[in-house]
Amino acid sequence: MSEKTIYRWKAKCSGIDVTEAECLRELDNENARMKKLLAESTLGNAALK
């Protein structure tokens, strides 16, 4: 893990409680899932053209 990643994490998450951290994790997971779906959709549309 790079130093930059640690500082970014620390700036983002310092001072939050467990509930907020869990919410952030869930949102990050959903965001990753949505990005994957968008990429698959875009790839499928490009294949049809």
Protein backbone atom coordinates (compact mmCIF):
# COMPACT_ATOMS: atom_id res chain seq x y z
CA MET A 1 0.00 0.00 0.00
CA SER A 2 1.45 3.34 -1.00
CA GLU A 3 1.88 6.29 1.30
CA LYS A 4 -0.44 8.33 -0.92
CA THR A 5 -3.21 5.75 -0.46
CA ILE A 6 -2.82 5.85 3.31
CA TYR A 7 -3.02 9.65 3.42
CA ARG A 8 -6.03 9.68 1.09
CA TRP A 9 -7.79 7.09 3.25
CA LYS A 10 -6.91 8.97 6.41
CA ALA A 11 -8.26 12.25 5.01
CA LYS A 12 -11.45 10.56 3.83
CA CYS A 13 -12.20 8.45 6.88
CA SER A 14 -10.74 10.12 9.94
CA GLY A 15 -13.39 11.11 12.41
CA ILE A 16 -16.21 8.89 11.11
CA ASP A 17 -17.92 6.20 13.14
CA VAL A 18 -18.45 2.56 12.22
CA THR A 19 -21.94 3.10 10.77
CA GLU A 20 -20.69 5.79 8.39
CA ALA A 21 -17.73 3.60 7.38
CA GLU A 22 -20.09 0.71 6.59
CA CYS A 23 -22.27 3.04 4.54
CA LEU A 24 -19.24 4.28 2.61
CA ARG A 25 -18.17 0.69 1.93
CA GLU A 26 -21.64 -0.19 0.65
CA LEU A 27 -21.71 2.87 -1.60
CA ASP A 28 -18.24 2.06 -2.95
CA ASN A 29 -19.34 -1.51 -3.70
CA GLU A 30 -22.50 -0.31 -5.45
CA ASN A 31 -20.51 2.26 -7.40
CA ALA A 32 -18.10 -0.45 -8.59
CA ARG A 33 -21.03 -2.66 -9.61
CA MET A 34 -22.65 0.19 -11.56
CA LYS A 35 -19.37 0.99 -13.32
CA LYS A 36 -19.04 -2.67 -14.31
CA LEU A 37 -22.61 -2.73 -15.67
CA LEU A 38 -21.99 0.48 -17.63
CA ALA A 39 -18.77 -0.91 -19.10
CA GLU A 40 -20.50 -4.13 -20.14
CA SER A 41 -23.37 -2.18 -21.68
CA THR A 42 -21.01 0.11 -23.57
CA LEU A 43 -19.04 -2.88 -24.81
CA GLY A 44 -22.25 -4.60 -25.94
CA ASN A 45 -23.40 -1.47 -27.79
CA ALA A 46 -20.03 -1.15 -29.51
CA ALA A 47 -20.22 -4.79 -30.60
CA LEU A 48 -23.64 -4.21 -32.16
CA LYS A 49 -22.34 -1.32 -34.27
